[in-house]
Amino acid sequence: LYLSSVLDICSRRVVGFALSEHHDADLAYRALAMAITVRGGDVAGVVLHTDGGSEYTARLFRAACARVGVVQSMGRPGSALDNAAIESWHSTLTFELLDLEPFTTRGVARRRVAAWIDEYNRDRKHSALGMRSPITFELTNTVPAAPSLPPSSSASRPSPPGGLRPALTPTSGGSQPRSTGRPTRTVRRARSA
């Protein structure tokens, strides 16, 4: 089974995930759909950071992001550091569950992964959150929205040797993400086989 997950980097909460026999755009779409539902549907302006895999550049996934106002951000080729938070989360899941518990069926695997994620969100304490769980942190904190910055020019961000592309992919029509006047959450994702 493949796992696609969406992590709110501010609260460390896994807000969406999906499991499938196929590693494709539909898997990523289902994880995104769950995250949107968990966040109440109002996710316009949220930044979704992923790697540059075909599941995230597929028409299905890009259209879903555009439809709800999610801004896609993709890491540079060969850079694993920008996905470190979700990669660390997947490593923890692997170490604490997948390596220790054999699953007899895919159904058992799905139920155990879902239960582990629920426990992680409700009980796992994080030093970055003042030793609170992700859900406790969200219930007791509101994060002020960052002030809007003017768009940077190419002169302010010189191109590095090798011509790496900018991490933020443009939104459709080249427009800037709209401001909702509420906190902006950065959502991250990765996959694990």
C-alpha atoms as a PDB file:
ATOM      1  CA  LEU A   1       0.000   0.000   0.000  1.00  0.00           C
ATOM      2  CA  TYR A   2       1.052   3.584  -0.635  1.00  0.00           C
ATOM      3  CA  LEU A   3       0.360   6.386   1.832  1.00  0.00           C
ATOM      4  CA  SER A   4      -0.109  10.033   0.932  1.00  0.00           C
ATOM      5  CA  SER A   5      -0.408  12.437   3.848  1.00  0.00           C
ATOM      6  CA  VAL A   6      -0.962  16.128   4.477  1.00  0.00           C
ATOM      7  CA  LEU A   7       0.721  17.664   7.540  1.00  0.00           C
ATOM      8  CA  ASP A   8      -0.094  21.088   8.953  1.00  0.00           C
ATOM      9  CA  ILE A   9       3.403  22.308   9.676  1.00  0.00           C
ATOM     10  CA  CYS A  10       2.246  24.851  12.267  1.00  0.00           C
ATOM     11  CA  SER A  11       0.412  22.390  14.522  1.00  0.00           C
ATOM     12  CA  ARG A  12       2.130  19.163  13.348  1.00  0.00           C
ATOM     13  CA  ARG A  13      -1.332  17.668  12.815  1.00  0.00           C
ATOM     14  CA  VAL A  14      -1.889  15.157  10.033  1.00  0.00           C
ATOM     15  CA  VAL A  15      -5.024  16.689   8.538  1.00  0.00           C
ATOM     16  CA  GLY A  16      -5.368  14.357   5.568  1.00  0.00           C
ATOM     17  CA  PHE A  17      -4.192  10.971   4.411  1.00  0.00           C
ATOM     18  CA  ALA A  18      -5.095   8.256   1.943  1.00  0.00           C
ATOM     19  CA  LEU A  19      -3.921   4.707   1.326  1.00  0.00           C
ATOM     20  CA  SER A  20      -4.039   2.939  -2.013  1.00  0.00           C
ATOM     21  CA  GLU A  21      -2.569   0.088  -3.988  1.00  0.00           C
ATOM     22  CA  HIS A  22      -1.582   2.682  -6.614  1.00  0.00           C
ATOM     23  CA  HIS A  23       0.798   5.602  -6.279  1.00  0.00           C
ATOM     24  CA  ASP A  24      -0.970   8.139  -8.484  1.00  0.00           C
ATOM     25  CA  ALA A  25      -2.772  11.491  -8.656  1.00  0.00           C
ATOM     26  CA  ASP A  26      -5.972   9.975  -7.260  1.00  0.00           C
ATOM     27  CA  LEU A  27      -4.136   8.957  -4.064  1.00  0.00           C
ATOM     28  CA  ALA A  28      -2.752  12.472  -3.596  1.00  0.00           C
ATOM     29  CA  TYR A  29      -6.150  13.974  -4.461  1.00  0.00           C
ATOM     30  CA  ARG A  30      -7.890  11.874  -1.787  1.00  0.00           C
ATOM     31  CA  ALA A  31      -5.387  12.971   0.889  1.00  0.00           C
ATOM     32  CA  LEU A  32      -5.920  16.594  -0.158  1.00  0.00           C
ATOM     33  CA  ALA A  33      -9.717  16.150  -0.114  1.00  0.00           C
ATOM     34  CA  MET A  34      -9.570  14.816   3.448  1.00  0.00           C
ATOM     35  CA  ALA A  35      -7.385  17.743   4.540  1.00  0.00           C
ATOM     36  CA  ILE A  36      -9.822  20.220   2.979  1.00  0.00           C
ATOM     37  CA  THR A  37     -12.733  18.538   4.758  1.00  0.00           C
ATOM     38  CA  VAL A  38     -10.922  18.492   8.117  1.00  0.00           C
ATOM     39  CA  ARG A  39     -10.233  22.219   7.729  1.00  0.00           C
ATOM     40  CA  GLY A  40     -13.889  22.956   7.007  1.00  0.00           C
ATOM     41  CA  GLY A  41     -13.506  23.580   3.287  1.00  0.00           C
ATOM     42  CA  ASP A  42     -12.155  27.124   3.584  1.00  0.00           C
ATOM     43  CA  VAL A  43      -8.535  26.645   2.557  1.00  0.00           C
ATOM     44  CA  ALA A  44      -8.066  29.469   0.059  1.00  0.00           C
ATOM     45  CA  GLY A  45      -4.524  30.806   0.322  1.00  0.00           C
ATOM     46  CA  VAL A  46      -3.130  27.728   2.067  1.00  0.00           C
ATOM     47  CA  VAL A  47       0.289  26.730   0.736  1.00  0.00           C
ATOM     48  CA  LEU A  48       0.627  23.042  -0.098  1.00  0.00           C
ATOM     49  CA  HIS A  49       4.279  22.055  -0.375  1.00  0.00           C
ATOM     50  CA  THR A  50       5.132  18.817  -2.156  1.00  0.00           C
ATOM     51  CA  ASP A  51       7.913  17.279  -4.115  1.00  0.00           C
ATOM     52  CA  GLY A  52       7.704  17.519  -7.897  1.00  0.00           C
ATOM     53  CA  GLY A  53       6.240  14.062  -8.404  1.00  0.00           C
ATOM     54  CA  SER A  54       3.858  13.377 -11.254  1.00  0.00           C
ATOM     55  CA  GLU A  55       0.965  12.860  -8.843  1.00  0.00           C
ATOM     56  CA  TYR A  56       1.205  16.548  -7.838  1.00  0.00           C
ATOM     57  CA  THR A  57       1.694  17.927 -11.326  1.00  0.00           C
ATOM     58  CA  ALA A  58      -1.168  15.858 -12.774  1.00  0.00           C
ATOM     59  CA  ARG A  59      -4.176  17.738 -14.127  1.00  0.00           C
ATOM     60  CA  LEU A  60      -6.526  16.168 -11.526  1.00  0.00           C
ATOM     61  CA  PHE A  61      -4.457  17.373  -8.571  1.00  0.00           C
ATOM     62  CA  ARG A  62      -3.594  20.822  -9.953  1.00  0.00           C
ATOM     63  CA  ALA A  63      -7.248  21.456 -10.856  1.00  0.00           C
ATOM     64  CA  ALA A  64      -8.356  20.468  -7.344  1.00  0.00           C
ATOM     65  CA  CYS A  65      -5.859  22.883  -5.797  1.00  0.00           C
ATOM     66  CA  ALA A  66      -6.913  25.691  -8.137  1.00  0.00           C
ATOM     67  CA  ARG A  67     -10.627  25.050  -7.488  1.00  0.00           C
ATOM     68  CA  VAL A  68     -10.274  25.577  -3.712  1.00  0.00           C
ATOM     69  CA  GLY A  69      -7.577  28.266  -3.865  1.00  0.00           C
ATOM     70  CA  VAL A  70      -4.692  26.162  -2.542  1.00  0.00           C
ATOM     71  CA  VAL A  71      -1.310  27.483  -3.696  1.00  0.00           C
ATOM     72  CA  GLN A  72       1.041  24.716  -4.805  1.00  0.00           C
ATOM     73  CA  SER A  73       4.694  24.933  -3.827  1.00  0.00           C
ATOM     74  CA  MET A  74       7.200  22.356  -5.008  1.00  0.00           C
ATOM     75  CA  GLY A  75      10.667  21.569  -3.802  1.00  0.00           C
ATOM     76  CA  ARG A  76      13.682  21.915  -6.004  1.00  0.00           C
ATOM     77  CA  PRO A  77      14.986  18.758  -7.654  1.00  0.00           C
ATOM     78  CA  GLY A  78      17.503  16.981  -5.451  1.00  0.00           C
ATOM     79  CA  SER A  79      16.578  18.924  -2.274  1.00  0.00           C
ATOM     80  CA  ALA A  80      15.164  16.741   0.471  1.00  0.00           C
ATOM     81  CA  LEU A  81      15.449  19.367   3.209  1.00  0.00           C
ATOM     82  CA  ASP A  82      12.290  21.270   2.322  1.00  0.00           C
ATOM     83  CA  ASN A  83      10.209  18.137   2.954  1.00  0.00           C
ATOM     84  CA  ALA A  84      12.037  17.254   6.177  1.00  0.00           C
ATOM     85  CA  ALA A  85       8.982  17.632   8.458  1.00  0.00           C
ATOM     86  CA  ILE A  86       6.776  15.190   6.570  1.00  0.00           C
ATOM     87  CA  GLU A  87       9.674  12.834   5.847  1.00  0.00           C
ATOM     88  CA  SER A  88      10.382  12.759   9.589  1.00  0.00           C
ATOM     89  CA  TRP A  89       6.718  12.027  10.278  1.00  0.00           C
ATOM     90  CA  HIS A  90       6.747   9.131   7.798  1.00  0.00           C
ATOM     91  CA  SER A  91       9.921   7.808   9.413  1.00  0.00           C
ATOM     92  CA  THR A  92       8.206   7.866  12.822  1.00  0.00           C
ATOM     93  CA  LEU A  93       5.184   6.015  11.421  1.00  0.00           C
ATOM     94  CA  THR A  94       7.469   3.423   9.858  1.00  0.00           C
ATOM     95  CA  PHE A  95       9.518   2.958  13.041  1.00  0.00           C
ATOM     96  CA  GLU A  96       6.610   2.885  15.492  1.00  0.00           C
ATOM     97  CA  LEU A  97       4.051   0.949  13.477  1.00  0.00           C
ATOM     98  CA  LEU A  98       5.017  -0.468  10.115  1.00  0.00           C
ATOM     99  CA  ASP A  99       8.299  -2.098  11.201  1.00  0.00           C
ATOM    100  CA  LEU A 100       6.782  -3.587  14.361  1.00  0.00           C
ATOM    101  CA  GLU A 101       3.387  -4.830  13.325  1.00  0.00           C
ATOM    102  CA  PRO A 102       2.752  -7.211  10.437  1.00  0.00           C
ATOM    103  CA  PHE A 103      -0.627  -6.691   8.768  1.00  0.00           C
ATOM    104  CA  THR A 104      -2.537  -9.760   7.618  1.00  0.00           C
ATOM    105  CA  THR A 105      -4.748  -7.856   5.171  1.00  0.00           C
ATOM    106  CA  ARG A 106      -4.921  -4.450   3.510  1.00  0.00           C
ATOM    107  CA  GLY A 107      -8.033  -3.708   5.557  1.00  0.00           C
ATOM    108  CA  VAL A 108      -6.136  -4.332   8.793  1.00  0.00           C
ATOM    109  CA  ALA A 109      -3.307  -2.115   7.541  1.00  0.00           C
ATOM    110  CA  ARG A 110      -5.737   0.700   6.719  1.00  0.00           C
ATOM    111  CA  ARG A 111      -7.404   0.513  10.140  1.00  0.00           C
ATOM    112  CA  ARG A 112      -4.106   0.406  12.056  1.00  0.00           C
ATOM    113  CA  VAL A 113      -2.575   3.316  10.117  1.00  0.00           C
ATOM    114  CA  ALA A 114      -5.746   5.386  10.661  1.00  0.00           C
ATOM    115  CA  ALA A 115      -5.737   4.545  14.389  1.00  0.00           C
ATOM    116  CA  TRP A 116      -2.034   5.417  14.679  1.00  0.00           C
ATOM    117  CA  ILE A 117      -2.594   8.789  12.973  1.00  0.00           C
ATOM    118  CA  ASP A 118      -5.554   9.536  15.258  1.00  0.00           C
ATOM    119  CA  GLU A 119      -3.457   8.710  18.314  1.00  0.00           C
ATOM    120  CA  TYR A 120      -0.583  10.803  16.966  1.00  0.00           C
ATOM    121  CA  ASN A 121      -2.862  13.822  16.467  1.00  0.00           C
ATOM    122  CA  ARG A 122      -4.547  13.500  19.877  1.00  0.00           C
ATOM    123  CA  ASP A 123      -1.741  12.278  22.152  1.00  0.00           C
ATOM    124  CA  ARG A 124       1.742  12.861  20.673  1.00  0.00           C
ATOM    125  CA  LYS A 125       3.406  15.733  22.518  1.00  0.00           C
ATOM    126  CA  HIS A 126       5.820  17.992  20.641  1.00  0.00           C
ATOM    127  CA  SER A 127       8.487  20.217  22.170  1.00  0.00           C
ATOM    128  CA  ALA A 128       7.845  22.743  19.378  1.00  0.00           C
ATOM    129  CA  LEU A 129       4.226  22.968  20.597  1.00  0.00           C
ATOM    130  CA  GLY A 130       5.063  23.472  24.265  1.00  0.00           C
ATOM    131  CA  MET A 131       4.722  19.737  24.961  1.00  0.00           C
ATOM    132  CA  ARG A 132       1.153  19.661  23.663  1.00  0.00           C
ATOM    133  CA  SER A 133      -0.441  17.375  21.112  1.00  0.00           C
ATOM    134  CA  PRO A 134      -1.320  18.763  17.675  1.00  0.00           C
ATOM    135  CA  ILE A 135      -5.054  18.879  18.400  1.00  0.00           C
ATOM    136  CA  THR A 136      -4.558  20.418  21.850  1.00  0.00           C
ATOM    137  CA  PHE A 137      -2.298  23.034  20.281  1.00  0.00           C
ATOM    138  CA  GLU A 138      -4.917  23.884  17.654  1.00  0.00           C
ATOM    139  CA  LEU A 139      -7.678  24.141  20.254  1.00  0.00           C
ATOM    140  CA  THR A 140      -5.681  26.465  22.504  1.00  0.00           C
ATOM    141  CA  ASN A 141      -3.903  28.667  19.968  1.00  0.00           C
ATOM    142  CA  THR A 142      -4.650  31.012  17.172  1.00  0.00           C
ATOM    143  CA  VAL A 143      -1.779  32.054  14.985  1.00  0.00           C
ATOM    144  CA  PRO A 144      -1.875  35.607  13.620  1.00  0.00           C
ATOM    145  CA  ALA A 145      -1.608  35.877   9.870  1.00  0.00           C
ATOM    146  CA  ALA A 146       1.775  37.053   8.616  1.00  0.00           C
ATOM    147  CA  PRO A 147       1.800  40.530   7.088  1.00  0.00           C
ATOM    148  CA  SER A 148       1.562  40.495   3.329  1.00  0.00           C
ATOM    149  CA  LEU A 149       4.876  41.035   1.586  1.00  0.00           C
ATOM    150  CA  PRO A 150       5.242  42.632  -1.826  1.00  0.00           C
ATOM    151  CA  PRO A 151       6.184  40.219  -4.604  1.00  0.00           C
ATOM    152  CA  SER A 152       9.928  39.809  -4.977  1.00  0.00           C
ATOM    153  CA  SER A 153      11.662  40.664  -8.193  1.00  0.00           C
ATOM    154  CA  SER A 154      14.159  38.515 -10.053  1.00  0.00           C
ATOM    155  CA  ALA A 155      16.832  41.027  -8.991  1.00  0.00           C
ATOM    156  CA  SER A 156      16.140  40.313  -5.307  1.00  0.00           C
ATOM    157  CA  ARG A 157      16.527  36.565  -5.756  1.00  0.00           C
ATOM    158  CA  PRO A 158      19.471  35.874  -8.016  1.00  0.00           C
ATOM    159  CA  SER A 159      19.431  32.571  -9.822  1.00  0.00           C
ATOM    160  CA  PRO A 160      21.833  30.042  -8.270  1.00  0.00           C
ATOM    161  CA  PRO A 161      24.385  28.216 -10.407  1.00  0.00           C
ATOM    162  CA  GLY A 162      22.706  25.448 -12.350  1.00  0.00           C
ATOM    163  CA  GLY A 163      19.525  27.484 -12.800  1.00  0.00           C
ATOM    164  CA  LEU A 164      17.330  25.881 -10.128  1.00  0.00           C
ATOM    165  CA  ARG A 165      13.695  26.851 -10.475  1.00  0.00           C
ATOM    166  CA  PRO A 166      11.895  28.839  -7.784  1.00  0.00           C
ATOM    167  CA  ALA A 167      10.199  26.678  -5.168  1.00  0.00           C
ATOM    168  CA  LEU A 168       6.797  28.300  -5.610  1.00  0.00           C
ATOM    169  CA  THR A 169       4.926  27.355  -8.735  1.00  0.00           C
ATOM    170  CA  PRO A 170       2.767  30.124 -10.166  1.00  0.00           C
ATOM    171  CA  THR A 171      -0.966  29.967  -9.659  1.00  0.00           C
ATOM    172  CA  SER A 172      -3.171  29.714 -12.710  1.00  0.00           C
ATOM    173  CA  GLY A 173      -3.265  32.975 -14.638  1.00  0.00           C
ATOM    174  CA  GLY A 174      -0.195  34.226 -12.781  1.00  0.00           C
ATOM    175  CA  SER A 175      -2.340  35.746 -10.021  1.00  0.00           C
ATOM    176  CA  GLN A 176      -1.177  36.067  -6.450  1.00  0.00           C
ATOM    177  CA  PRO A 177      -2.900  34.007  -3.750  1.00  0.00           C
ATOM    178  CA  ARG A 178      -5.833  35.936  -2.358  1.00  0.00           C
ATOM    179  CA  SER A 179      -5.736  37.072   1.240  1.00  0.00           C
ATOM    180  CA  THR A 180      -8.494  35.755   3.472  1.00  0.00           C
ATOM    181  CA  GLY A 181      -7.550  37.845   6.512  1.00  0.00           C
ATOM    182  CA  ARG A 182      -7.043  34.687   8.548  1.00  0.00           C
ATOM    183  CA  PRO A 183      -3.939  32.693   9.451  1.00  0.00           C
ATOM    184  CA  THR A 184      -2.174  30.964   6.612  1.00  0.00           C
ATOM    185  CA  ARG A 185      -1.367  27.319   7.221  1.00  0.00           C
ATOM    186  CA  THR A 186       1.429  25.563   5.417  1.00  0.00           C
ATOM    187  CA  VAL A 187       0.480  22.027   4.530  1.00  0.00           C
ATOM    188  CA  ARG A 188       3.123  19.476   3.646  1.00  0.00           C
ATOM    189  CA  ARG A 189       2.999  15.998   2.240  1.00  0.00           C
ATOM    190  CA  ALA A 190       5.113  13.025   1.342  1.00  0.00           C
ATOM    191  CA  ARG A 191       4.636   9.404   0.417  1.00  0.00           C
ATOM    192  CA  SER A 192       5.784   6.127   1.838  1.00  0.00           C
ATOM    193  CA  ALA A 193       5.613   2.657   0.347  1.00  0.00           C
END
